[in-house]
Amino acid sequence: MSDLGAGFGYLVKGQRWAARHGRWFGFGLLPGLITLVVYAGALVGLGYGADDLVAWATPFADDWSSPWLGLLRTTLTALVFVFGLFLAVITFTAVTLLVGQPFYESLSEEVDRSEGGDVPESGLPLWRELWISARDSVRILLRVALYGIVLFALGFIPVVGQTVVPALGFCVSGYFLAEELTAVALQRRGMVLKDRLVLLRGRRMMVLGFGVPLTLAFLVPFVAVFLMPGAVAGATLLARDLVEPSGGLRPGDAGSGETPALGGVPAV
């Protein structure tokens, strides 16, 4: 339980850091604002079209009597929207980080600089950093999609589907949300995706303590945009303490088999 509290503490520290550095806070808002506009439009469209999608996918129920037809399609419509919201929470961070790669790299470096010690830099051109970030994000999203499909199917189980499954969904969302955010700082330290996952699994409760509250907060409209700069700052602080003082994994320790390129970032 102490790790859960410690993880939440990094989230709070990150928001405090952003509040004390107003210029960087404003700088970090821009990518989130762009992504929010796109996602808001997509979710509104899903909200209007989910019932038509469900009706199209369940023609076998057209002749069902009331209330079974309405119950089936209302439940499926709700599940479709919840699944879309689940994917939006996860992919929002990935897309925002991709759009805001240069913004968040600079913000994360400033956090390292303000905390003292080494300030790792990739030394790679922007296009290479974007490619690495996009490639790793796709790998994470594939993992999330697999979990999402399983949870979606389990959602049909009475009672469990309405209690345990949503809780598991938030845990999955929080874990991979934390991975995406810490990747900004850990990639600059030369850690490839496989090594990052090993590192985070070693402190799973701390990662959940950071990511789950943030996931819940991201469900509130507009909150994700305003928390994003502090979330990147908090994830950088978390990454620093996971890798450096604790004697955790350093670049190449996990034996991923990928060769670091210039600046410690793995070759593609």
Protein backbone atom coordinates (compact mmCIF):
# COMPACT_ATOMS: atom_id res chain seq x y z
CA MET A 1 0.00 0.00 0.00
CA SER A 2 2.93 2.33 0.61
CA ASP A 3 3.89 2.06 -3.05
CA LEU A 4 0.36 3.11 -4.06
CA GLY A 5 0.70 6.25 -1.95
CA ALA A 6 4.18 6.92 -3.28
CA GLY A 7 2.93 6.67 -6.86
CA PHE A 8 0.14 9.14 -6.15
CA GLY A 9 2.75 11.38 -4.51
CA TYR A 10 4.66 11.62 -7.80
CA LEU A 11 1.47 12.72 -9.53
CA VAL A 12 0.99 15.48 -6.96
CA LYS A 13 4.67 16.52 -7.15
CA GLY A 14 4.40 16.79 -10.92
CA GLN A 15 1.36 19.05 -10.73
CA ARG A 16 3.13 21.21 -8.16
CA TRP A 17 6.17 21.47 -10.41
CA ALA A 18 4.00 22.59 -13.33
CA ALA A 19 2.19 25.13 -11.13
CA ARG A 20 5.53 26.64 -10.06
CA HIS A 21 6.76 26.88 -13.64
CA GLY A 22 3.97 28.80 -15.39
CA ARG A 23 5.79 29.23 -18.70
CA TRP A 24 6.37 25.50 -19.02
CA PHE A 25 2.81 24.77 -17.96
CA GLY A 26 1.49 26.92 -20.82
CA PHE A 27 4.01 25.39 -23.20
CA GLY A 28 2.83 21.90 -22.28
CA LEU A 29 -0.87 22.72 -22.78
CA LEU A 30 -0.67 23.14 -26.55
CA PRO A 31 -0.46 19.47 -27.67
CA GLY A 32 -3.29 18.46 -25.35
CA LEU A 33 -5.57 21.20 -26.66
CA ILE A 34 -5.04 20.07 -30.25
CA THR A 35 -5.68 16.41 -29.41
CA LEU A 36 -8.71 17.23 -27.23
CA VAL A 37 -10.53 18.92 -30.09
CA VAL A 38 -10.04 15.87 -32.31
CA TYR A 39 -11.09 13.37 -29.63
CA ALA A 40 -14.11 15.37 -28.51
CA GLY A 41 -15.43 15.28 -32.07
CA ALA A 42 -14.82 11.54 -32.30
CA LEU A 43 -16.61 10.78 -29.00
CA VAL A 44 -19.57 12.96 -29.92
CA GLY A 45 -19.84 11.08 -33.21
CA LEU A 46 -19.65 7.76 -31.36
CA GLY A 47 -22.35 8.90 -28.94
CA TYR A 48 -24.72 9.70 -31.80
CA GLY A 49 -23.88 6.62 -33.86
CA ALA A 50 -23.43 3.86 -31.27
CA ASP A 51 -27.11 2.86 -31.27
CA ASP A 52 -27.16 2.59 -35.08
CA LEU A 53 -23.96 0.55 -34.97
CA VAL A 54 -25.45 -1.86 -32.42
CA ALA A 55 -28.70 -2.18 -34.41
CA TRP A 56 -26.68 -2.99 -37.55
CA ALA A 57 -24.61 -5.58 -35.67
CA THR A 58 -27.60 -7.36 -34.08
CA PRO A 59 -30.12 -8.04 -36.87
CA PHE A 60 -30.95 -11.37 -35.22
CA ALA A 61 -32.72 -9.48 -32.43
CA ASP A 62 -35.08 -7.47 -34.67
CA ASP A 63 -38.00 -9.80 -33.90
CA TRP A 64 -37.39 -10.04 -30.16
CA SER A 65 -40.26 -8.93 -27.94
CA SER A 66 -40.11 -6.14 -25.40
CA PRO A 67 -38.28 -5.63 -23.09
CA TRP A 68 -35.53 -8.00 -24.32
CA LEU A 69 -34.76 -6.13 -27.54
CA GLY A 70 -34.39 -2.81 -25.75
CA LEU A 71 -32.41 -4.36 -22.92
CA LEU A 72 -29.93 -6.06 -25.26
CA ARG A 73 -29.33 -3.05 -27.49
CA THR A 74 -29.21 -0.53 -24.64
CA THR A 75 -26.62 -2.67 -22.86
CA LEU A 76 -24.54 -3.13 -26.01
CA THR A 77 -24.76 0.57 -26.84
CA ALA A 78 -23.49 1.45 -23.38
CA LEU A 79 -20.67 -1.10 -23.67
CA VAL A 80 -19.64 0.24 -27.08
CA PHE A 81 -19.45 3.79 -25.74
CA VAL A 82 -17.58 2.68 -22.60
CA PHE A 83 -15.15 0.71 -24.76
CA GLY A 84 -14.66 3.79 -26.96
CA LEU A 85 -14.07 5.91 -23.87
CA PHE A 86 -11.62 3.30 -22.57
CA LEU A 87 -9.64 3.45 -25.82
CA ALA A 88 -9.83 7.25 -25.84
CA VAL A 89 -8.27 7.47 -22.37
CA ILE A 90 -5.40 5.22 -23.42
CA THR A 91 -4.81 6.57 -26.91
CA PHE A 92 -5.21 10.20 -25.83
CA THR A 93 -1.88 10.10 -24.08
CA ALA A 94 -0.16 8.25 -26.93
CA VAL A 95 -1.48 10.65 -29.56
CA THR A 96 -0.83 13.73 -27.42
CA LEU A 97 2.72 12.58 -26.72
CA LEU A 98 3.25 11.97 -30.42
CA VAL A 99 1.85 15.38 -31.38
CA GLY A 100 3.71 17.04 -28.52
CA GLN A 101 6.99 15.12 -28.75
CA PRO A 102 9.23 18.21 -28.97
CA PHE A 103 7.16 20.02 -26.32
CA TYR A 104 7.28 17.23 -23.75
CA GLU A 105 10.90 16.34 -24.45
CA SER A 106 11.83 19.93 -23.58
CA LEU A 107 9.57 19.95 -20.52
CA SER A 108 10.98 16.64 -19.26
CA GLU A 109 14.54 17.89 -19.76
CA GLU A 110 13.68 21.03 -17.76
CA VAL A 111 12.38 18.86 -14.91
CA ASP A 112 15.66 16.92 -14.92
CA ARG A 113 17.59 20.18 -15.01
CA SER A 114 15.64 21.67 -12.11
CA GLU A 115 16.18 18.54 -10.00
CA GLY A 116 19.93 18.46 -10.60
CA GLY A 117 22.15 15.70 -11.91
CA ASP A 118 22.48 14.52 -15.50
CA VAL A 119 20.08 15.77 -18.16
CA PRO A 120 20.02 12.98 -20.78
CA GLU A 121 19.35 14.01 -24.37
CA SER A 122 18.59 11.75 -27.31
CA GLY A 123 20.80 13.57 -29.80
CA LEU A 124 18.56 12.33 -32.61
CA PRO A 125 16.68 14.35 -35.25
CA LEU A 126 13.01 15.01 -34.58
CA TRP A 127 11.77 12.62 -37.27
CA ARG A 128 13.72 9.73 -35.67
CA GLU A 129 12.31 10.51 -32.22
CA LEU A 130 8.79 10.65 -33.65
CA TRP A 131 9.29 7.30 -35.38
CA ILE A 132 10.53 5.61 -32.20
CA SER A 133 7.69 7.11 -30.17
CA ALA A 134 5.05 6.10 -32.75
CA ARG A 135 6.45 2.57 -33.04
CA ASP A 136 6.42 2.02 -29.27
CA SER A 137 2.97 3.56 -28.94
CA VAL A 138 1.57 1.13 -31.51
CA ARG A 139 3.08 -1.78 -29.56
CA ILE A 140 1.48 -0.52 -26.35
CA LEU A 141 -1.87 0.07 -28.01
CA LEU A 142 -1.88 -3.48 -29.36
CA ARG A 143 -1.43 -4.76 -25.82
CA VAL A 144 -4.20 -2.46 -24.59
CA ALA A 145 -6.51 -3.60 -27.39
CA LEU A 146 -6.04 -7.25 -26.37
CA TYR A 147 -6.87 -6.42 -22.77
CA GLY A 148 -9.82 -4.33 -23.95
CA ILE A 149 -11.28 -7.19 -25.99
CA VAL A 150 -11.01 -9.57 -23.03
CA LEU A 151 -12.57 -7.06 -20.63
CA PHE A 152 -15.32 -6.27 -23.13
CA ALA A 153 -16.22 -9.96 -23.32
CA LEU A 154 -16.11 -10.32 -19.53
CA GLY A 155 -18.48 -7.37 -19.26
CA PHE A 156 -21.37 -9.67 -20.20
CA ILE A 157 -20.93 -11.74 -17.03
CA PRO A 158 -23.68 -10.74 -14.56
CA VAL A 159 -22.49 -8.77 -11.50
CA VAL A 160 -18.78 -9.35 -12.25
CA GLY A 161 -19.13 -7.49 -15.54
CA GLN A 162 -20.58 -4.47 -13.79
CA THR A 163 -18.21 -4.38 -10.78
CA VAL A 164 -14.89 -6.21 -11.12
CA VAL A 165 -14.40 -5.66 -14.85
CA PRO A 166 -14.63 -1.83 -14.75
CA ALA A 167 -12.13 -1.80 -11.86
CA LEU A 168 -9.74 -3.98 -13.85
CA GLY A 169 -10.24 -1.72 -16.84
CA PHE A 170 -9.14 1.32 -14.86
CA CYS A 171 -6.08 -0.57 -13.60
CA VAL A 172 -5.10 -1.57 -17.13
CA SER A 173 -5.67 1.98 -18.35
CA GLY A 174 -3.67 3.46 -15.49
CA TYR A 175 -0.75 1.10 -15.93
CA PHE A 176 -0.28 1.74 -19.63
CA LEU A 177 -0.99 5.45 -19.20
CA ALA A 178 1.91 5.59 -16.76
CA GLU A 179 4.08 3.67 -19.24
CA GLU A 180 3.37 6.16 -22.00
CA LEU A 181 4.17 9.11 -19.75
CA THR A 182 7.37 7.72 -18.23
CA ALA A 183 8.55 6.78 -21.73
CA VAL A 184 9.38 10.45 -22.38
CA ALA A 185 12.07 10.41 -19.69
CA LEU A 186 13.11 6.76 -20.00
CA GLN A 187 13.68 6.91 -23.77
CA ARG A 188 16.11 9.76 -23.18
CA ARG A 189 17.91 7.41 -20.80
CA GLY A 190 18.34 4.83 -23.54
CA MET A 191 15.68 2.38 -22.37
CA VAL A 192 13.80 0.48 -25.07
CA LEU A 193 10.19 -0.60 -24.60
CA LYS A 194 11.02 -4.09 -23.32
CA ASP A 195 13.32 -2.70 -20.64
CA ARG A 196 10.77 -0.06 -19.62
CA LEU A 197 8.09 -2.70 -19.11
CA VAL A 198 10.44 -4.80 -17.00
CA LEU A 199 11.27 -1.75 -14.88
CA LEU A 200 7.63 -0.79 -14.35
CA ARG A 201 6.54 -4.35 -13.57
CA GLY A 202 9.05 -4.34 -10.74
CA ARG A 203 7.13 -1.49 -9.06
CA ARG A 204 3.63 -2.29 -10.30
CA MET A 205 1.77 -0.85 -7.30
CA MET A 206 3.66 2.43 -7.53
CA VAL A 207 2.89 2.63 -11.23
CA LEU A 208 -0.81 2.01 -10.52
CA GLY A 209 -0.77 4.63 -7.78
CA PHE A 210 0.44 7.13 -10.35
CA GLY A 211 -1.60 6.03 -13.35
CA VAL A 212 -5.05 5.04 -12.01
CA PRO A 213 -5.92 8.38 -10.35
CA LEU A 214 -4.72 10.13 -13.49
CA THR A 215 -6.93 7.88 -15.62
CA LEU A 216 -9.94 8.71 -13.46
CA ALA A 217 -9.14 12.42 -13.67
CA PHE A 218 -8.82 12.19 -17.45
CA LEU A 219 -12.48 11.10 -17.62
CA VAL A 220 -13.53 14.62 -16.61
CA PRO A 221 -13.86 16.87 -19.69
CA PHE A 222 -10.90 19.19 -20.28
CA VAL A 223 -9.06 17.94 -17.16
CA ALA A 224 -6.65 15.83 -19.22
CA VAL A 225 -5.40 18.89 -21.08
CA PHE A 226 -4.62 20.84 -17.92
CA LEU A 227 -3.09 17.90 -16.06
CA MET A 228 -0.88 16.80 -18.95
CA PRO A 229 2.11 19.12 -18.30
CA GLY A 230 2.15 18.13 -14.62
CA ALA A 231 1.66 14.47 -15.56
CA VAL A 232 4.77 14.56 -17.77
CA ALA A 233 6.68 16.32 -14.97
CA GLY A 234 5.51 13.76 -12.39
CA ALA A 235 6.36 10.87 -14.70
CA THR A 236 9.86 12.29 -15.14
CA LEU A 237 10.31 12.48 -11.37
CA LEU A 238 9.04 8.90 -11.09
CA ALA A 239 11.39 7.72 -13.83
CA ARG A 240 14.37 9.41 -12.18
CA ASP A 241 13.77 7.65 -8.87
CA LEU A 242 13.04 4.28 -10.47
CA VAL A 243 16.21 4.26 -12.54
CA GLU A 244 18.80 6.17 -10.56
CA PRO A 245 18.67 6.16 -6.75
CA SER A 246 17.12 2.71 -6.41
CA GLY A 247 19.76 1.10 -8.57
CA GLY A 248 17.10 0.10 -11.04
CA LEU A 249 17.63 -0.78 -14.66
CA ARG A 250 19.97 1.38 -16.62
CA PRO A 251 20.26 1.52 -20.38
CA GLY A 252 20.99 -1.95 -21.75
CA ASP A 253 20.77 -3.77 -18.39
CA ALA A 254 17.76 -5.87 -19.36
CA GLY A 255 19.50 -7.32 -22.37
CA SER A 256 16.84 -6.40 -24.88
CA GLY A 257 19.05 -7.23 -27.79
CA GLU A 258 18.58 -3.79 -29.39
CA THR A 259 21.64 -1.67 -29.93
CA PRO A 260 21.53 1.87 -28.53
CA ALA A 261 21.99 4.53 -31.13
CA LEU A 262 23.52 7.96 -30.74
CA GLY A 263 22.42 9.65 -27.53
CA GLY A 264 21.33 6.39 -25.91
CA VAL A 265 18.17 5.93 -27.97
CA PRO A 266 17.82 2.46 -29.46
CA ALA A 267 18.41 1.95 -33.12
CA VAL A 268 15.34 1.24 -35.24
